[in-house]
Protein backbone atom coordinates (compact mmCIF):
# COMPACT_ATOMS: atom_id res chain seq x y z
CA MET A 1 -0.07 -0.05 -0.19
CA HIS A 2 1.35 3.31 -0.46
CA PRO A 3 2.04 5.74 2.26
CA ASP A 4 -0.70 8.00 1.79
CA ALA A 5 -3.35 5.14 0.73
CA GLU A 6 -1.99 3.37 3.58
CA LYS A 7 -2.74 7.23 6.00
CA GLN A 8 -6.29 7.87 4.20
CA TRP A 9 -7.13 4.34 5.35
CA ILE A 10 -5.71 4.60 9.06
CA ALA A 11 -7.40 7.77 8.75
CA THR A 12 -10.56 6.22 8.05
CA TYR A 13 -10.23 3.49 10.04
CA GLU A 14 -10.33 6.10 13.32
CA TRP A 15 -12.55 8.27 12.33
CA LEU A 16 -14.82 4.84 12.09
CA ALA A 17 -13.25 3.39 15.06
CA HIS A 18 -14.87 7.06 16.91
CA SER A 19 -18.10 7.01 15.03
CA ILE A 20 -19.35 4.14 16.90
CA ARG A 21 -18.62 4.82 20.40
CA PRO A 22 -21.84 5.80 22.32
CA GLY A 23 -22.86 9.02 21.09
CA GLY A 24 -21.19 8.23 18.36
CA CYS A 25 -22.71 9.49 14.66
CA TYR A 26 -22.89 5.73 13.52
CA GLU A 27 -23.40 3.88 17.15
CA PRO A 28 -26.63 2.77 16.04
CA ILE A 29 -25.07 0.51 13.14
CA GLU A 30 -22.01 0.02 14.99
CA ASN A 31 -21.89 -3.88 13.34
CA TYR A 32 -22.25 -2.55 9.83
CA ILE A 33 -19.76 0.26 10.38
CA ALA A 34 -17.17 -2.33 12.21
CA LYS A 35 -16.47 -3.69 8.83
CA CYS A 36 -16.75 -0.90 6.62
CA ALA A 37 -12.56 -0.65 7.20
CA GLU A 38 -12.31 -4.15 6.04
CA ASN A 39 -14.52 -3.98 3.35
CA ILE A 40 -12.81 -0.26 2.03
CA ALA A 41 -9.05 -1.98 2.11
CA ARG A 42 -10.76 -4.67 -0.18
CA ILE A 43 -12.61 -2.42 -2.39
CA ALA A 44 -9.53 -0.98 -3.13
CA VAL A 45 -7.28 -3.84 -3.97
CA ILE A 46 -9.96 -4.70 -5.98
CA TYR A 47 -9.83 -0.94 -8.42
CA GLU A 48 -6.40 -1.72 -7.82
CA VAL A 49 -6.29 -5.29 -9.82
CA ALA A 50 -9.06 -3.50 -12.58
CA GLU A 51 -6.02 -1.48 -13.26
CA ASN A 52 -3.23 -3.56 -13.15
CA GLU A 53 -2.75 -6.98 -13.49
CA GLU A 54 -0.18 -7.20 -11.76
CA PRO A 55 -0.57 -4.07 -9.21
CA LYS A 56 3.20 -3.61 -6.11
CA GLU A 57 1.05 -1.15 -3.86
CA VAL A 58 -3.08 0.42 -3.78
CA SER A 59 -2.94 3.74 -5.15
CA LEU A 60 -4.66 7.12 -2.95
CA ALA A 61 -6.84 7.50 -5.44
CA ASN A 62 -8.09 4.10 -5.53
CA MET A 63 -8.38 4.34 -1.38
CA ARG A 64 -10.03 7.48 -1.74
CA ARG A 65 -12.36 6.07 -4.67
CA ALA A 66 -12.91 2.52 -2.14
CA ILE A 67 -13.99 4.60 0.31
CA ARG A 68 -16.10 6.90 -1.92
CA MET A 69 -18.49 3.70 -2.63
CA CYS A 70 -18.64 2.28 1.01
CA LYS A 71 -19.46 5.74 1.52
CA TRP A 72 -22.19 4.77 -0.73
CA PHE A 73 -23.66 1.66 0.75
CA THR A 74 -23.87 3.08 4.10
CA GLU A 75 -25.87 5.47 2.88
CA GLU A 76 -28.01 3.10 1.20
CA TYR A 77 -28.17 0.94 4.36
CA ILE A 78 -29.37 4.07 6.77
CA GLU A 79 -31.94 4.48 4.07
CA ILE A 80 -33.55 1.11 3.58
CA PHE A 81 -32.74 -0.05 7.35
CA GLY A 82 -32.44 3.95 9.05
CA SER A 83 -35.99 3.47 10.65
CA MET A 84 -35.07 0.35 12.84
CA TYR A 85 -31.91 2.54 14.22
CA PHE A 86 -32.33 5.99 13.71
CA PRO A 87 -34.55 8.62 15.89
CA ILE A 88 -37.65 9.75 14.21
CA VAL A 89 -36.10 13.51 14.83
CA GLU A 90 -32.91 12.43 12.85
CA GLN A 91 -34.69 10.92 10.03
CA ASP A 92 -36.92 14.10 10.06
CA ALA A 93 -33.51 16.29 10.14
CA VAL A 94 -32.21 14.37 7.08
CA GLN A 95 -35.79 15.42 5.24
CA ALA A 96 -35.49 19.06 6.88
CA VAL A 97 -31.88 19.54 5.37
CA ALA A 98 -32.21 18.18 1.78
CA TRP A 99 -35.43 21.03 2.00
CA PHE A 100 -33.30 23.42 3.35
CA ARG A 101 -31.07 22.74 0.45
CA HIS A 102 -33.79 22.89 -2.27
CA TYR A 103 -35.07 26.18 -1.28
CA HIS A 104 -31.24 27.70 -1.13
CA GLU A 105 -31.86 26.38 -4.87
CA ARG A 106 -34.65 27.30 -5.67
CA SER A 107 -34.44 30.71 -3.81
CA GLY A 108 -31.97 31.78 -5.69
CA GLY A 109 -29.17 30.68 -3.00
CA SER A 110 -31.05 32.53 -0.09
CA MET A 111 -29.24 31.80 3.07
CA GLN A 112 -32.73 32.19 5.53
CA VAL A 113 -36.18 31.32 5.27
CA SER A 114 -38.85 32.12 7.57
CA THR A 115 -39.99 29.24 10.29
CA ARG A 116 -43.44 30.11 8.68
CA ILE A 117 -42.45 29.51 5.09
CA PHE A 118 -40.63 26.31 6.93
CA ARG A 119 -43.79 24.93 7.81
CA GLN A 120 -46.23 25.17 5.41
CA TYR A 121 -44.02 24.34 2.21
CA CYS A 122 -41.27 21.70 3.69
CA TRP A 123 -41.31 17.81 3.32
CA GLY A 124 -44.06 15.82 4.16
CA SER A 125 -47.45 15.14 4.76
CA ARG A 126 -50.08 17.95 6.21
CA GLU A 127 -50.24 16.53 9.05
CA PHE A 128 -46.78 16.32 9.84
CA ARG A 129 -46.95 20.28 8.95
CA HIS A 130 -48.80 20.88 11.58
CA ASP A 131 -47.29 18.75 13.63
CA ARG A 132 -45.79 21.99 15.78
CA LYS A 133 -44.45 20.11 18.36
CA ARG A 134 -42.58 17.35 15.88
CA VAL A 135 -41.08 20.47 13.19
CA ASP A 136 -40.23 22.10 16.65
CA ALA A 137 -38.41 19.22 17.86
CA VAL A 138 -36.36 19.02 14.27
CA LEU A 139 -35.88 22.79 14.01
CA GLU A 140 -34.56 22.20 18.31
CA TYR A 141 -32.06 19.33 16.61
CA LEU A 142 -30.21 20.96 13.55
CA GLU A 143 -29.78 24.30 15.83
CA VAL A 144 -27.99 21.78 18.74
CA GLU A 145 -26.13 20.11 15.97
CA GLY A 146 -25.21 23.28 13.99
CA VAL A 147 -26.72 23.19 10.86
CA ILE A 148 -28.96 26.13 11.03
CA ALA A 149 -29.81 28.92 13.88
CA ILE A 150 -32.73 30.65 14.50
CA ILE A 151 -32.99 33.80 15.06
CA GLY A 152 -36.15 36.91 16.10
CA TYR A 153 -37.22 39.47 14.44
CA GLY A 154 -39.88 41.50 16.90
CA SER A 155 -42.35 38.43 16.67
CA ARG A 156 -41.13 37.02 13.28
CA LYS A 157 -38.85 34.22 13.56
CA TYR A 158 -36.09 33.02 10.68
CA ILE A 159 -34.03 29.61 9.93
CA ASN A 160 -30.54 30.81 8.82
CA LEU A 161 -28.33 28.47 7.24
CA ASN A 162 -24.80 27.87 8.41
CA PRO A 163 -22.93 27.84 4.84
CA GLN A 164 -20.23 25.83 6.87
CA HIS A 165 -22.68 22.61 6.78
CA PHE A 166 -24.46 23.61 3.05
CA GLY A 167 -21.32 23.53 1.56
CA ILE A 168 -21.05 27.31 1.07
CA THR A 169 -17.50 29.44 1.81
CA ALA A 170 -17.99 32.77 3.50
CA HIS A 171 -16.83 34.61 0.26
CA ALA A 172 -19.93 33.13 -1.91
CA VAL A 173 -22.61 34.46 0.79
CA SER A 174 -21.64 38.24 0.41
CA THR A 175 -21.43 37.15 -3.25
CA LEU A 176 -24.85 36.40 -3.33
CA GLY A 177 -25.37 39.47 -0.80
CA GLY A 178 -26.30 37.58 2.09
CA SER A 179 -25.26 37.23 5.59
CA SER A 180 -22.77 35.44 7.65
CA LEU A 181 -24.99 32.67 9.90
CA PHE A 182 -25.39 35.09 13.22
CA ASN A 183 -24.11 38.25 11.90
CA PRO A 184 -27.42 38.72 9.07
CA LYS A 185 -28.11 41.94 7.11
């Protein structure tokens, strides 16, 4: 294994080990995640053999491909079996983040949405949207996780999207006429 590929694999292994500890993001699927590091190494070798009949070592590029593949399979596993492992508020949070991304794109890059608009147009059934406790629980969860910040102007509340979470740089936010997460214009 190339030294850079080995460093990448070790870093991934350590992150996975940390993620299955109590309170870790993958704790509920510990048995599945425990096998990922080994699968990543095996898949990287398969990529290497597919590129070269007699590989001498696993390249960093193939290690990264294997990591991306295992990440994709993990996301699919969670999509299929997640309801068995993850609390409903976490499942709702995944849906809310997808809605925020969609809103951000459709609104021309807006980093802020009113809570009224979110409640009115967010994903799910009418019953879900009007279940104030469930929607509030999702917003509180996302705020604690640092995905959003809820701010108030008088009697109105707004949801600010965290640019770092949504993959938007501070420069892009200012270019779009937006604001930073905690210092809205």
